[in-house]
Amino acid sequence: MRLLSIGVMCISMLMLAMASAARPSHDELKKQVADIERAFAATMKARDHAAFTSFLADEAIFFSGPTPLRGREAVANAWRKYYDGERAPFSWEPEQVEVVDSGTLAYSGGPVYDPSGKVVGRYNSIWRLEAPGRWKIVFDRGEAPPCQCGKNE
């Protein structure tokens, strides 16, 4: 009986060691999120609405206008207009990425550019890890840049 207990304990310790070794580091998770955000943004440049939709969580909420868009289908339908035409109306890139200690939620934010490259706003997104290495966007909010009132440019 004692030998069985020792065997079970050894197997448990081995499984725990394997589980912790398999989990990406915090820096690796931040890189994953930055890379997925860049891939998400690349859908706009590529004019690929189907690819854009593939990054959306089923219960995604986008703050685009006075009423939040709720759900993948509503977001995809509302954003379809941005994918019409040959030229992207805007672009974005991650400037800051943070991941919670559990490694299951992440924030990404950065500038939004008009077609000429001028900063016209900022975006803030929350991503959720739905499977190993598979992040989906659950919240997104774009904002106008801070007022430069009274400043000479």
N, C-alpha and C. Protein backbone atom coordinates (compact mmCIF):
# COMPACT_ATOMS: atom_id res chain seq x y z
N MET A 1 0.83 -1.18 0.00
CA MET A 1 0.00 0.00 0.00
C MET A 1 0.88 1.25 0.00
N ARG A 2 1.97 1.19 0.78
CA ARG A 2 2.87 2.34 0.85
C ARG A 2 3.53 2.59 -0.51
N LEU A 3 3.88 1.53 -1.21
CA LEU A 3 4.49 1.64 -2.52
C LEU A 3 3.52 2.27 -3.51
N LEU A 4 2.24 1.94 -3.43
CA LEU A 4 1.22 2.52 -4.29
C LEU A 4 1.10 4.02 -4.02
N SER A 5 1.09 4.43 -2.76
CA SER A 5 1.01 5.85 -2.40
C SER A 5 2.19 6.63 -2.95
N ILE A 6 3.37 6.05 -2.84
CA ILE A 6 4.58 6.71 -3.36
C ILE A 6 4.49 6.83 -4.89
N GLY A 7 4.00 5.81 -5.54
CA GLY A 7 3.84 5.84 -7.00
C GLY A 7 2.86 6.90 -7.45
N VAL A 8 1.72 7.00 -6.75
CA VAL A 8 0.71 8.01 -7.07
C VAL A 8 1.28 9.41 -6.86
N MET A 9 2.02 9.58 -5.76
CA MET A 9 2.63 10.88 -5.47
C MET A 9 3.65 11.25 -6.56
N CYS A 10 4.45 10.32 -7.00
CA CYS A 10 5.45 10.58 -8.05
C CYS A 10 4.77 10.96 -9.37
N ILE A 11 3.72 10.23 -9.72
CA ILE A 11 2.99 10.54 -10.96
C ILE A 11 2.35 11.92 -10.86
N SER A 12 1.78 12.25 -9.70
CA SER A 12 1.17 13.56 -9.50
C SER A 12 2.19 14.68 -9.65
N MET A 13 3.37 14.49 -9.06
CA MET A 13 4.42 15.50 -9.15
C MET A 13 4.90 15.66 -10.60
N LEU A 14 4.99 14.57 -11.32
CA LEU A 14 5.40 14.60 -12.71
C LEU A 14 4.37 15.35 -13.55
N MET A 15 3.10 15.07 -13.34
CA MET A 15 2.04 15.76 -14.08
C MET A 15 2.03 17.25 -13.79
N LEU A 16 2.23 17.62 -12.53
CA LEU A 16 2.28 19.03 -12.15
C LEU A 16 3.46 19.72 -12.83
N ALA A 17 4.60 19.07 -12.85
CA ALA A 17 5.79 19.64 -13.49
C ALA A 17 5.56 19.80 -14.98
N MET A 18 4.92 18.83 -15.62
CA MET A 18 4.64 18.93 -17.05
C MET A 18 3.66 20.05 -17.34
N ALA A 19 2.66 20.20 -16.51
CA ALA A 19 1.65 21.25 -16.72
C ALA A 19 2.27 22.63 -16.60
N SER A 20 3.13 22.84 -15.61
CA SER A 20 3.74 24.16 -15.45
C SER A 20 4.77 24.43 -16.53
N ALA A 21 5.43 23.40 -17.02
CA ALA A 21 6.42 23.58 -18.08
C ALA A 21 5.74 23.90 -19.41
N ALA A 22 4.53 23.40 -19.61
CA ALA A 22 3.83 23.60 -20.87
C ALA A 22 3.23 24.99 -20.99
N ARG A 23 2.99 25.67 -19.89
CA ARG A 23 2.37 26.99 -19.91
C ARG A 23 3.37 28.04 -20.39
N PRO A 24 2.98 28.85 -21.39
CA PRO A 24 3.88 29.90 -21.86
C PRO A 24 4.19 30.91 -20.76
N SER A 25 5.34 31.52 -20.84
CA SER A 25 5.71 32.56 -19.88
C SER A 25 4.87 33.81 -20.12
N HIS A 26 4.90 34.70 -19.16
CA HIS A 26 4.16 35.96 -19.28
C HIS A 26 4.60 36.72 -20.52
N ASP A 27 5.90 36.79 -20.77
CA ASP A 27 6.41 37.48 -21.96
C ASP A 27 5.96 36.81 -23.25
N GLU A 28 5.92 35.47 -23.24
CA GLU A 28 5.45 34.75 -24.42
C GLU A 28 3.96 35.03 -24.67
N LEU A 29 3.17 35.11 -23.60
CA LEU A 29 1.75 35.43 -23.75
C LEU A 29 1.56 36.84 -24.29
N LYS A 30 2.35 37.80 -23.80
CA LYS A 30 2.27 39.17 -24.31
C LYS A 30 2.61 39.21 -25.80
N LYS A 31 3.61 38.45 -26.19
CA LYS A 31 3.99 38.38 -27.60
C LYS A 31 2.87 37.76 -28.43
N GLN A 32 2.24 36.70 -27.90
CA GLN A 32 1.11 36.09 -28.61
C GLN A 32 0.02 37.11 -28.88
N VAL A 33 -0.32 37.89 -27.84
CA VAL A 33 -1.40 38.87 -27.98
C VAL A 33 -1.01 39.97 -28.96
N ALA A 34 0.22 40.47 -28.86
CA ALA A 34 0.67 41.50 -29.81
C ALA A 34 0.62 40.96 -31.23
N ASP A 35 1.05 39.72 -31.42
CA ASP A 35 1.04 39.12 -32.76
C ASP A 35 -0.39 38.92 -33.26
N ILE A 36 -1.29 38.50 -32.38
CA ILE A 36 -2.67 38.28 -32.81
C ILE A 36 -3.34 39.62 -33.12
N GLU A 37 -3.00 40.66 -32.37
CA GLU A 37 -3.54 42.00 -32.67
C GLU A 37 -3.05 42.48 -34.04
N ARG A 38 -1.77 42.25 -34.33
CA ARG A 38 -1.23 42.64 -35.64
C ARG A 38 -1.93 41.85 -36.77
N ALA A 39 -2.17 40.57 -36.54
CA ALA A 39 -2.87 39.76 -37.54
C ALA A 39 -4.31 40.25 -37.71
N PHE A 40 -4.94 40.62 -36.63
CA PHE A 40 -6.30 41.17 -36.66
C PHE A 40 -6.31 42.46 -37.48
N ALA A 41 -5.35 43.34 -37.23
CA ALA A 41 -5.25 44.60 -37.98
C ALA A 41 -4.94 44.35 -39.45
N ALA A 42 -4.18 43.31 -39.74
CA ALA A 42 -3.82 43.00 -41.13
C ALA A 42 -5.05 42.64 -41.97
N THR A 43 -6.13 42.20 -41.33
CA THR A 43 -7.34 41.88 -42.09
C THR A 43 -7.90 43.13 -42.76
N MET A 44 -7.71 44.29 -42.13
CA MET A 44 -8.20 45.54 -42.73
C MET A 44 -7.39 45.88 -43.97
N LYS A 45 -6.08 45.81 -43.87
CA LYS A 45 -5.22 46.11 -45.02
C LYS A 45 -5.48 45.12 -46.15
N ALA A 46 -5.70 43.85 -45.81
CA ALA A 46 -5.94 42.82 -46.82
C ALA A 46 -7.37 42.87 -47.36
N ARG A 47 -8.23 43.68 -46.71
CA ARG A 47 -9.65 43.81 -47.10
C ARG A 47 -10.36 42.46 -46.96
N ASP A 48 -10.05 41.74 -45.90
CA ASP A 48 -10.55 40.38 -45.69
C ASP A 48 -11.52 40.35 -44.50
N HIS A 49 -12.78 40.61 -44.79
CA HIS A 49 -13.81 40.67 -43.76
C HIS A 49 -14.01 39.32 -43.07
N ALA A 50 -13.93 38.24 -43.81
CA ALA A 50 -14.09 36.90 -43.21
C ALA A 50 -12.99 36.65 -42.19
N ALA A 51 -11.77 37.06 -42.50
CA ALA A 51 -10.66 36.89 -41.54
C ALA A 51 -10.90 37.76 -40.31
N PHE A 52 -11.37 39.00 -40.51
CA PHE A 52 -11.72 39.88 -39.38
C PHE A 52 -12.70 39.16 -38.45
N THR A 53 -13.73 38.60 -39.02
CA THR A 53 -14.78 37.94 -38.24
C THR A 53 -14.22 36.76 -37.45
N SER A 54 -13.22 36.08 -37.98
CA SER A 54 -12.66 34.90 -37.31
C SER A 54 -11.97 35.25 -35.99
N PHE A 55 -11.61 36.50 -35.78
CA PHE A 55 -10.96 36.91 -34.53
C PHE A 55 -11.97 37.27 -33.44
N LEU A 56 -13.24 37.37 -33.78
CA LEU A 56 -14.26 37.81 -32.83
C LEU A 56 -14.76 36.66 -31.96
N ALA A 57 -14.83 36.89 -30.65
CA ALA A 57 -15.47 35.93 -29.76
C ALA A 57 -16.97 35.93 -30.06
N ASP A 58 -17.62 34.83 -29.77
CA ASP A 58 -19.07 34.75 -30.01
C ASP A 58 -19.81 35.86 -29.29
N GLU A 59 -19.36 36.23 -28.09
CA GLU A 59 -20.04 37.24 -27.29
C GLU A 59 -19.31 38.59 -27.30
N ALA A 60 -18.60 38.87 -28.39
CA ALA A 60 -17.86 40.12 -28.50
C ALA A 60 -18.77 41.33 -28.34
N ILE A 61 -18.23 42.38 -27.72
CA ILE A 61 -18.93 43.66 -27.59
C ILE A 61 -17.99 44.74 -28.10
N PHE A 62 -18.45 45.47 -29.13
CA PHE A 62 -17.69 46.59 -29.68
C PHE A 62 -18.46 47.87 -29.39
N PHE A 63 -17.77 48.84 -28.87
CA PHE A 63 -18.35 50.15 -28.61
C PHE A 63 -18.09 50.99 -29.85
N SER A 64 -19.03 50.92 -30.79
CA SER A 64 -18.92 51.64 -32.06
C SER A 64 -20.18 52.47 -32.24
N GLY A 65 -20.20 53.65 -31.66
CA GLY A 65 -21.39 54.48 -31.73
C GLY A 65 -22.12 54.51 -30.41
N PRO A 66 -23.33 55.04 -30.42
CA PRO A 66 -24.06 55.24 -29.16
C PRO A 66 -24.52 53.96 -28.48
N THR A 67 -24.71 52.90 -29.25
CA THR A 67 -25.18 51.63 -28.69
C THR A 67 -24.13 50.55 -28.95
N PRO A 68 -23.69 49.85 -27.91
CA PRO A 68 -22.70 48.79 -28.11
C PRO A 68 -23.21 47.71 -29.07
N LEU A 69 -22.32 47.21 -29.89
CA LEU A 69 -22.63 46.09 -30.76
C LEU A 69 -22.37 44.83 -29.96
N ARG A 70 -23.37 43.95 -29.87
CA ARG A 70 -23.25 42.75 -29.03
C ARG A 70 -23.30 41.49 -29.89
N GLY A 71 -22.24 40.70 -29.81
CA GLY A 71 -22.20 39.42 -30.51
C GLY A 71 -21.42 39.49 -31.81
N ARG A 72 -20.82 38.34 -32.14
CA ARG A 72 -19.99 38.25 -33.35
C ARG A 72 -20.73 38.73 -34.59
N GLU A 73 -21.96 38.27 -34.78
CA GLU A 73 -22.71 38.60 -35.99
C GLU A 73 -22.99 40.10 -36.08
N ALA A 74 -23.40 40.72 -34.99
CA ALA A 74 -23.69 42.16 -35.00
C ALA A 74 -22.43 42.98 -35.30
N VAL A 75 -21.32 42.60 -34.69
CA VAL A 75 -20.06 43.31 -34.93
C VAL A 75 -19.63 43.12 -36.39
N ALA A 76 -19.67 41.89 -36.85
CA ALA A 76 -19.25 41.60 -38.23
C ALA A 76 -20.11 42.37 -39.23
N ASN A 77 -21.42 42.38 -39.02
CA ASN A 77 -22.31 43.10 -39.93
C ASN A 77 -22.03 44.60 -39.92
N ALA A 78 -21.83 45.18 -38.75
CA ALA A 78 -21.58 46.61 -38.65
C ALA A 78 -20.24 47.00 -39.25
N TRP A 79 -19.26 46.14 -39.14
CA TRP A 79 -17.92 46.45 -39.63
C TRP A 79 -17.73 46.10 -41.11
N ARG A 80 -18.69 45.43 -41.72
CA ARG A 80 -18.56 45.07 -43.13
C ARG A 80 -18.29 46.30 -43.99
N LYS A 81 -18.91 47.43 -43.68
CA LYS A 81 -18.73 48.66 -44.48
C LYS A 81 -17.27 49.12 -44.51
N TYR A 82 -16.51 48.83 -43.46
CA TYR A 82 -15.10 49.24 -43.43
C TYR A 82 -14.23 48.38 -44.35
N TYR A 83 -14.78 47.25 -44.78
CA TYR A 83 -14.04 46.33 -45.64
C TYR A 83 -14.44 46.47 -47.11
N ASP A 84 -15.40 47.33 -47.39
CA ASP A 84 -15.78 47.60 -48.78
C ASP A 84 -14.75 48.53 -49.41
N GLY A 85 -14.58 48.41 -50.68
CA GLY A 85 -13.64 49.28 -51.38
C GLY A 85 -12.24 48.71 -51.38
N GLU A 86 -11.40 49.32 -52.20
CA GLU A 86 -10.03 48.83 -52.38
C GLU A 86 -9.07 49.34 -51.32
N ARG A 87 -9.39 50.47 -50.70
CA ARG A 87 -8.45 51.09 -49.76
C ARG A 87 -9.03 51.08 -48.35
N ALA A 88 -8.21 50.67 -47.41
CA ALA A 88 -8.64 50.64 -46.01
C ALA A 88 -8.88 52.05 -45.50
N PRO A 89 -9.99 52.29 -44.80
CA PRO A 89 -10.27 53.62 -44.29
C PRO A 89 -9.44 53.99 -43.06
N PHE A 90 -8.86 52.98 -42.42
CA PHE A 90 -8.01 53.22 -41.25
C PHE A 90 -7.18 51.98 -40.97
N SER A 91 -6.22 52.14 -40.08
CA SER A 91 -5.39 51.01 -39.66
C SER A 91 -5.05 51.21 -38.19
N TRP A 92 -4.52 50.19 -37.56
CA TRP A 92 -4.15 50.29 -36.15
C TRP A 92 -3.01 49.33 -35.86
N GLU A 93 -2.35 49.56 -34.73
CA GLU A 93 -1.27 48.67 -34.31
C GLU A 93 -1.14 48.71 -32.79
N PRO A 94 -0.74 47.58 -32.20
CA PRO A 94 -0.60 47.56 -30.75
C PRO A 94 0.61 48.37 -30.29
N GLU A 95 0.38 49.15 -29.27
CA GLU A 95 1.45 49.94 -28.65
C GLU A 95 1.72 49.43 -27.23
N GLN A 96 0.67 48.91 -26.62
CA GLN A 96 0.79 48.39 -25.26
C GLN A 96 -0.01 47.09 -25.17
N VAL A 97 0.58 46.09 -24.54
CA VAL A 97 -0.08 44.80 -24.32
C VAL A 97 0.20 44.38 -22.89
N GLU A 98 -0.83 43.95 -22.20
CA GLU A 98 -0.70 43.41 -20.85
C GLU A 98 -1.55 42.15 -20.74
N VAL A 99 -1.06 41.18 -19.98
CA VAL A 99 -1.77 39.91 -19.78
C VAL A 99 -1.92 39.70 -18.27
N VAL A 100 -3.12 39.29 -17.83
CA VAL A 100 -3.31 39.01 -16.41
C VAL A 100 -2.47 37.81 -16.01
N ASP A 101 -2.19 37.71 -14.71
CA ASP A 101 -1.30 36.64 -14.22
C ASP A 101 -1.80 35.24 -14.56
N SER A 102 -3.12 35.05 -14.63
CA SER A 102 -3.64 33.73 -14.97
C SER A 102 -3.37 33.37 -16.43
N GLY A 103 -3.06 34.39 -17.25
CA GLY A 103 -2.77 34.15 -18.66
C GLY A 103 -4.01 33.94 -19.52
N THR A 104 -5.18 34.34 -19.02
CA THR A 104 -6.41 34.08 -19.76
C THR A 104 -7.07 35.32 -20.35
N LEU A 105 -6.70 36.49 -19.88
CA LEU A 105 -7.23 37.75 -20.42
C LEU A 105 -6.08 38.68 -20.73
N ALA A 106 -6.28 39.50 -21.76
CA ALA A 106 -5.22 40.43 -22.14
C ALA A 106 -5.82 41.73 -22.64
N TYR A 107 -5.04 42.79 -22.50
CA TYR A 107 -5.39 44.12 -23.01
C TYR A 107 -4.41 44.47 -24.12
N SER A 108 -4.91 45.08 -25.17
CA SER A 108 -4.04 45.67 -26.18
C SER A 108 -4.62 47.03 -26.54
N GLY A 109 -3.74 47.97 -26.75
CA GLY A 109 -4.18 49.31 -27.12
C GLY A 109 -3.12 50.00 -27.93
N GLY A 110 -3.57 50.97 -28.72
CA GLY A 110 -2.62 51.70 -29.52
C GLY A 110 -3.30 52.69 -30.44
N PRO A 111 -2.51 53.29 -31.32
CA PRO A 111 -3.03 54.32 -32.21
C PRO A 111 -3.83 53.75 -33.38
N VAL A 112 -4.76 54.59 -33.84
CA VAL A 112 -5.52 54.33 -35.06
C VAL A 112 -5.09 55.41 -36.05
N TYR A 113 -4.81 55.01 -37.29
CA TYR A 113 -4.31 55.92 -38.31
C TYR A 113 -5.32 56.06 -39.45
N ASP A 114 -5.36 57.25 -40.04
CA ASP A 114 -6.13 57.41 -41.27
C ASP A 114 -5.28 56.90 -42.43
N PRO A 115 -5.82 56.88 -43.66
CA PRO A 115 -5.05 56.34 -44.78
C PRO A 115 -3.72 57.04 -45.05
N SER A 116 -3.59 58.30 -44.62
CA SER A 116 -2.33 59.01 -44.84
C SER A 116 -1.31 58.75 -43.74
N GLY A 117 -1.71 58.03 -42.69
CA GLY A 117 -0.80 57.71 -41.59
C GLY A 117 -0.92 58.64 -40.40
N LYS A 118 -1.85 59.58 -40.44
CA LYS A 118 -2.06 60.51 -39.33
C LYS A 118 -2.85 59.80 -38.22
N VAL A 119 -2.42 60.00 -36.97
CA VAL A 119 -3.15 59.42 -35.84
C VAL A 119 -4.50 60.13 -35.70
N VAL A 120 -5.57 59.34 -35.75
CA VAL A 120 -6.92 59.90 -35.64
C VAL A 120 -7.67 59.35 -34.43
N GLY A 121 -7.03 58.50 -33.66
CA GLY A 121 -7.69 57.93 -32.50
C GLY A 121 -6.83 56.88 -31.84
N ARG A 122 -7.45 56.22 -30.86
CA ARG A 122 -6.82 55.11 -30.15
C ARG A 122 -7.85 54.00 -30.03
N TYR A 123 -7.37 52.79 -29.94
CA TYR A 123 -8.26 51.67 -29.69
C TYR A 123 -7.82 51.00 -28.39
N ASN A 124 -8.76 50.34 -27.76
CA ASN A 124 -8.51 49.56 -26.55
C ASN A 124 -9.29 48.26 -26.70
N SER A 125 -8.60 47.14 -26.59
CA SER A 125 -9.23 45.84 -26.79
C SER A 125 -8.90 44.90 -25.64
N ILE A 126 -9.85 44.03 -25.35
CA ILE A 126 -9.66 42.96 -24.37
C ILE A 126 -9.80 41.64 -25.12
N TRP A 127 -8.79 40.79 -24.93
CA TRP A 127 -8.73 39.48 -25.58
C TRP A 127 -8.86 38.38 -24.52
N ARG A 128 -9.48 37.28 -24.90
CA ARG A 128 -9.62 36.13 -24.00
C ARG A 128 -8.98 34.91 -24.66
N LEU A 129 -8.22 34.16 -23.87
CA LEU A 129 -7.62 32.92 -24.34
C LEU A 129 -8.70 31.84 -24.33
N GLU A 130 -9.08 31.35 -25.50
CA GLU A 130 -10.15 30.35 -25.59
C GLU A 130 -9.62 28.93 -25.74
N ALA A 131 -8.37 28.80 -26.14
CA ALA A 131 -7.68 27.52 -26.25
C ALA A 131 -6.20 27.86 -26.30
N PRO A 132 -5.32 26.91 -26.04
CA PRO A 132 -3.89 27.25 -26.08
C PRO A 132 -3.50 27.96 -27.38
N GLY A 133 -2.98 29.18 -27.24
CA GLY A 133 -2.55 29.95 -28.39
C GLY A 133 -3.67 30.56 -29.22
N ARG A 134 -4.92 30.42 -28.79
CA ARG A 134 -6.07 30.90 -29.56
C ARG A 134 -6.80 32.01 -28.80
N TRP A 135 -6.48 33.24 -29.16
CA TRP A 135 -7.06 34.42 -28.52
C TRP A 135 -8.21 34.94 -29.36
N LYS A 136 -9.28 35.37 -28.69
CA LYS A 136 -10.43 35.98 -29.37
C LYS A 136 -10.72 37.32 -28.68
N ILE A 137 -11.11 38.29 -29.49
CA ILE A 137 -11.41 39.61 -28.95
C ILE A 137 -12.82 39.60 -28.35
N VAL A 138 -12.94 40.11 -27.11
CA VAL A 138 -14.24 40.14 -26.45
C VAL A 138 -14.76 41.57 -26.26
N PHE A 139 -13.88 42.55 -26.11
CA PHE A 139 -14.28 43.95 -25.99
C PHE A 139 -13.38 44.81 -26.87
N ASP A 140 -13.98 45.82 -27.49
CA ASP A 140 -13.19 46.76 -28.27
C ASP A 140 -13.85 48.14 -28.17
N ARG A 141 -12.99 49.15 -28.01
CA ARG A 141 -13.49 50.53 -27.96
C ARG A 141 -12.48 51.44 -28.64
N GLY A 142 -12.96 52.20 -29.60
CA GLY A 142 -12.14 53.21 -30.24
C GLY A 142 -12.48 54.57 -29.68
N GLU A 143 -11.48 55.44 -29.62
CA GLU A 143 -11.70 56.79 -29.10
C GLU A 143 -10.97 57.80 -29.96
N ALA A 144 -11.50 59.01 -30.03
CA ALA A 144 -10.82 60.10 -30.73
C ALA A 144 -9.58 60.48 -29.95
N PRO A 145 -8.60 61.05 -30.62
CA PRO A 145 -7.39 61.46 -29.89
C PRO A 145 -7.70 62.58 -28.91
N PRO A 146 -6.88 62.75 -27.89
CA PRO A 146 -7.11 63.85 -26.95
C PRO A 146 -7.07 65.19 -27.68
N CYS A 147 -7.85 66.11 -27.21
CA CYS A 147 -7.91 67.44 -27.80
C CYS A 147 -6.54 68.14 -27.68
N GLN A 148 -6.10 68.71 -28.77
CA GLN A 148 -4.87 69.49 -28.77
C GLN A 148 -5.23 70.98 -28.74
N CYS A 149 -6.34 71.29 -28.10
CA CYS A 149 -6.88 72.64 -28.05
C CYS A 149 -5.83 73.65 -27.57
N GLY A 150 -5.65 74.70 -28.34
CA GLY A 150 -4.75 75.75 -27.92
C GLY A 150 -3.28 75.48 -28.14
N LYS A 151 -2.94 74.30 -28.65
CA LYS A 151 -1.53 73.98 -28.89
C LYS A 151 -1.20 74.25 -30.34
N ASN A 152 -0.04 74.84 -30.56
CA ASN A 152 0.43 75.06 -31.92
C ASN A 152 1.11 73.81 -32.42
N GLU A 153 0.82 73.44 -33.64
CA GLU A 153 1.44 72.24 -34.21
C GLU A 153 2.44 72.59 -35.24
